[in-house]
Amino acid sequence: MVILSDDEVALIRSILTALRSIKVRDIDKALVILAKGDRGGN
């Protein structure tokens, strides 16, 4: 078992909160934009 300090727990919690706040729709939009840019280069 791993023992974490209070600072480490707070850091992990903030990272998880940030990841949870990322919207799936935003990720999908970014992938579409990247795909369009990739096709334009060919």
PDB file of N, CA and C in Angstrom:
ATOM      1  N   MET A   1       0.844  -1.195   0.000  1.00  0.00           N
ATOM      2  CA  MET A   1       0.000   0.000   0.000  1.00  0.00           C
ATOM      3  C   MET A   1       0.880   1.246   0.000  1.00  0.00           C
ATOM      4  N   VAL A   2       0.471   2.247  -0.730  1.00  0.00           N
ATOM      5  CA  VAL A   2       1.247   3.480  -0.847  1.00  0.00           C
ATOM      6  C   VAL A   2       0.687   4.519   0.119  1.00  0.00           C
ATOM      7  N   ILE A   3       1.580   5.153   0.842  1.00  0.00           N
ATOM      8  CA  ILE A   3       1.179   6.235   1.756  1.00  0.00           C
ATOM      9  C   ILE A   3       1.456   7.559   1.054  1.00  0.00           C
ATOM     10  N   LEU A   4       0.440   8.413   0.970  1.00  0.00           N
ATOM     11  CA  LEU A   4       0.581   9.711   0.307  1.00  0.00           C
ATOM     12  C   LEU A   4       0.508  10.833   1.330  1.00  0.00           C
ATOM     13  N   SER A   5       1.286  11.870   1.072  1.00  0.00           N
ATOM     14  CA  SER A   5       1.215  13.054   1.927  1.00  0.00           C
ATOM     15  C   SER A   5      -0.042  13.852   1.568  1.00  0.00           C
ATOM     16  N   ASP A   6      -0.397  14.796   2.415  1.00  0.00           N
ATOM     17  CA  ASP A   6      -1.563  15.642   2.152  1.00  0.00           C
ATOM     18  C   ASP A   6      -1.403  16.410   0.848  1.00  0.00           C
ATOM     19  N   ASP A   7      -0.182  16.876   0.570  1.00  0.00           N
ATOM     20  CA  ASP A   7       0.071  17.623  -0.666  1.00  0.00           C
ATOM     21  C   ASP A   7      -0.135  16.738  -1.895  1.00  0.00           C
ATOM     22  N   GLU A   8       0.322  15.501  -1.813  1.00  0.00           N
ATOM     23  CA  GLU A   8       0.166  14.586  -2.943  1.00  0.00           C
ATOM     24  C   GLU A   8      -1.305  14.259  -3.182  1.00  0.00           C
ATOM     25  N   VAL A   9      -2.044  14.072  -2.111  1.00  0.00           N
ATOM     26  CA  VAL A   9      -3.476  13.802  -2.234  1.00  0.00           C
ATOM     27  C   VAL A   9      -4.187  14.986  -2.889  1.00  0.00           C
ATOM     28  N   ALA A  10      -3.836  16.197  -2.472  1.00  0.00           N
ATOM     29  CA  ALA A  10      -4.446  17.397  -3.042  1.00  0.00           C
ATOM     30  C   ALA A  10      -4.107  17.524  -4.527  1.00  0.00           C
ATOM     31  N   LEU A  11      -2.883  17.200  -4.891  1.00  0.00           N
ATOM     32  CA  LEU A  11      -2.465  17.270  -6.295  1.00  0.00           C
ATOM     33  C   LEU A  11      -3.232  16.260  -7.144  1.00  0.00           C
ATOM     34  N   ILE A  12      -3.330  15.042  -6.670  1.00  0.00           N
ATOM     35  CA  ILE A  12      -4.065  14.003  -7.409  1.00  0.00           C
ATOM     36  C   ILE A  12      -5.527  14.395  -7.546  1.00  0.00           C
ATOM     37  N   ARG A  13      -6.098  14.911  -6.476  1.00  0.00           N
ATOM     38  CA  ARG A  13      -7.508  15.323  -6.521  1.00  0.00           C
ATOM     39  C   ARG A  13      -7.707  16.443  -7.543  1.00  0.00           C
ATOM     40  N   SER A  14      -6.793  17.408  -7.597  1.00  0.00           N
ATOM     41  CA  SER A  14      -6.944  18.508  -8.546  1.00  0.00           C
ATOM     42  C   SER A  14      -6.778  18.029  -9.983  1.00  0.00           C
ATOM     43  N   ILE A  15      -5.886  17.071 -10.215  1.00  0.00           N
ATOM     44  CA  ILE A  15      -5.715  16.510 -11.561  1.00  0.00           C
ATOM     45  C   ILE A  15      -6.977  15.776 -11.991  1.00  0.00           C
ATOM     46  N   LEU A  16      -7.543  14.973 -11.098  1.00  0.00           N
ATOM     47  CA  LEU A  16      -8.765  14.234 -11.430  1.00  0.00           C
ATOM     48  C   LEU A  16      -9.930  15.181 -11.694  1.00  0.00           C
ATOM     49  N   THR A  17     -10.009  16.253 -10.913  1.00  0.00           N
ATOM     50  CA  THR A  17     -11.072  17.240 -11.119  1.00  0.00           C
ATOM     51  C   THR A  17     -10.910  17.919 -12.475  1.00  0.00           C
ATOM     52  N   ALA A  18      -9.681  18.256 -12.840  1.00  0.00           N
ATOM     53  CA  ALA A  18      -9.427  18.896 -14.132  1.00  0.00           C
ATOM     54  C   ALA A  18      -9.794  17.962 -15.278  1.00  0.00           C
ATOM     55  N   LEU A  19      -9.429  16.692 -15.159  1.00  0.00           N
ATOM     56  CA  LEU A  19      -9.757  15.729 -16.212  1.00  0.00           C
ATOM     57  C   LEU A  19     -11.261  15.553 -16.336  1.00  0.00           C
ATOM     58  N   ARG A  20     -11.955  15.560 -15.212  1.00  0.00           N
ATOM     59  CA  ARG A  20     -13.400  15.370 -15.233  1.00  0.00           C
ATOM     60  C   ARG A  20     -14.100  16.558 -15.883  1.00  0.00           C
ATOM     61  N   SER A  21     -13.485  17.733 -15.788  1.00  0.00           N
ATOM     62  CA  SER A  21     -14.120  18.931 -16.337  1.00  0.00           C
ATOM     63  C   SER A  21     -13.944  19.064 -17.849  1.00  0.00           C
ATOM     64  N   ILE A  22     -13.055  18.269 -18.435  1.00  0.00           N
ATOM     65  CA  ILE A  22     -12.871  18.310 -19.890  1.00  0.00           C
ATOM     66  C   ILE A  22     -14.095  17.678 -20.538  1.00  0.00           C
ATOM     67  N   LYS A  23     -14.692  18.389 -21.449  1.00  0.00           N
ATOM     68  CA  LYS A  23     -15.905  17.911 -22.107  1.00  0.00           C
ATOM     69  C   LYS A  23     -15.541  16.976 -23.264  1.00  0.00           C
ATOM     70  N   VAL A  24     -16.273  15.887 -23.380  1.00  0.00           N
ATOM     71  CA  VAL A  24     -16.039  14.938 -24.467  1.00  0.00           C
ATOM     72  C   VAL A  24     -16.270  15.617 -25.814  1.00  0.00           C
ATOM     73  N   ARG A  25     -17.259  16.512 -25.864  1.00  0.00           N
ATOM     74  CA  ARG A  25     -17.559  17.230 -27.103  1.00  0.00           C
ATOM     75  C   ARG A  25     -16.355  18.044 -27.575  1.00  0.00           C
ATOM     76  N   ASP A  26     -15.658  18.677 -26.635  1.00  0.00           N
ATOM     77  CA  ASP A  26     -14.483  19.472 -26.994  1.00  0.00           C
ATOM     78  C   ASP A  26     -13.393  18.589 -27.600  1.00  0.00           C
ATOM     79  N   ILE A  27     -13.225  17.399 -27.038  1.00  0.00           N
ATOM     80  CA  ILE A  27     -12.230  16.468 -27.570  1.00  0.00           C
ATOM     81  C   ILE A  27     -12.630  16.047 -28.983  1.00  0.00           C
ATOM     82  N   ASP A  28     -13.929  15.759 -29.186  1.00  0.00           N
ATOM     83  CA  ASP A  28     -14.412  15.372 -30.516  1.00  0.00           C
ATOM     84  C   ASP A  28     -14.180  16.482 -31.538  1.00  0.00           C
ATOM     85  N   LYS A  29     -14.453  17.727 -31.149  1.00  0.00           N
ATOM     86  CA  LYS A  29     -14.232  18.864 -32.058  1.00  0.00           C
ATOM     87  C   LYS A  29     -12.767  18.965 -32.450  1.00  0.00           C
ATOM     88  N   ALA A  30     -11.891  18.793 -31.473  1.00  0.00           N
ATOM     89  CA  ALA A  30     -10.454  18.875 -31.743  1.00  0.00           C
ATOM     90  C   ALA A  30     -10.026  17.772 -32.703  1.00  0.00           C
ATOM     91  N   LEU A  31     -10.568  16.565 -32.525  1.00  0.00           N
ATOM     92  CA  LEU A  31     -10.211  15.461 -33.426  1.00  0.00           C
ATOM     93  C   LEU A  31     -10.695  15.727 -34.842  1.00  0.00           C
ATOM     94  N   VAL A  32     -11.884  16.306 -34.979  1.00  0.00           N
ATOM     95  CA  VAL A  32     -12.412  16.632 -36.313  1.00  0.00           C
ATOM     96  C   VAL A  32     -11.524  17.667 -36.989  1.00  0.00           C
ATOM     97  N   ILE A  33     -11.123  18.688 -36.236  1.00  0.00           N
ATOM     98  CA  ILE A  33     -10.257  19.735 -36.796  1.00  0.00           C
ATOM     99  C   ILE A  33      -8.921  19.139 -37.239  1.00  0.00           C
ATOM    100  N   LEU A  34      -8.360  18.260 -36.405  1.00  0.00           N
ATOM    101  CA  LEU A  34      -7.080  17.621 -36.757  1.00  0.00           C
ATOM    102  C   LEU A  34      -7.239  16.745 -37.992  1.00  0.00           C
ATOM    103  N   ALA A  35      -8.354  16.028 -38.078  1.00  0.00           N
ATOM    104  CA  ALA A  35      -8.579  15.158 -39.236  1.00  0.00           C
ATOM    105  C   ALA A  35      -8.702  15.981 -40.516  1.00  0.00           C
ATOM    106  N   LYS A  36      -9.396  17.122 -40.451  1.00  0.00           N
ATOM    107  CA  LYS A  36      -9.543  17.989 -41.626  1.00  0.00           C
ATOM    108  C   LYS A  36      -8.177  18.517 -42.060  1.00  0.00           C
ATOM    109  N   GLY A  37      -7.366  18.928 -41.088  1.00  0.00           N
ATOM    110  CA  GLY A  37      -6.031  19.435 -41.403  1.00  0.00           C
ATOM    111  C   GLY A  37      -5.152  18.376 -42.014  1.00  0.00           C
ATOM    112  N   ASP A  38      -5.317  17.134 -41.542  1.00  0.00           N
ATOM    113  CA  ASP A  38      -4.526  16.026 -42.058  1.00  0.00           C
ATOM    114  C   ASP A  38      -4.896  15.718 -43.502  1.00  0.00           C
ATOM    115  N   ARG A  39      -6.167  15.756 -43.821  1.00  0.00           N
ATOM    116  CA  ARG A  39      -6.619  15.494 -45.187  1.00  0.00           C
ATOM    117  C   ARG A  39      -6.186  16.595 -46.138  1.00  0.00           C
ATOM    118  N   GLY A  40      -6.149  17.832 -45.638  1.00  0.00           N
ATOM    119  CA  GLY A  40      -5.770  18.945 -46.487  1.00  0.00           C
ATOM    120  C   GLY A  40      -4.313  18.893 -46.908  1.00  0.00           C
ATOM    121  N   GLY A  41      -3.497  18.219 -46.112  1.00  0.00           N
ATOM    122  CA  GLY A  41      -2.058  18.161 -46.425  1.00  0.00           C
ATOM    123  C   GLY A  41      -1.724  17.199 -47.547  1.00  0.00           C
ATOM    124  N   ASN A  42      -2.631  16.282 -47.885  1.00  0.00           N
ATOM    125  CA  ASN A  42      -2.318  15.266 -48.892  1.00  0.00           C
ATOM    126  C   ASN A  42      -2.475  15.778 -50.283  1.00  0.00           C
TER     127      ASN A  42
END
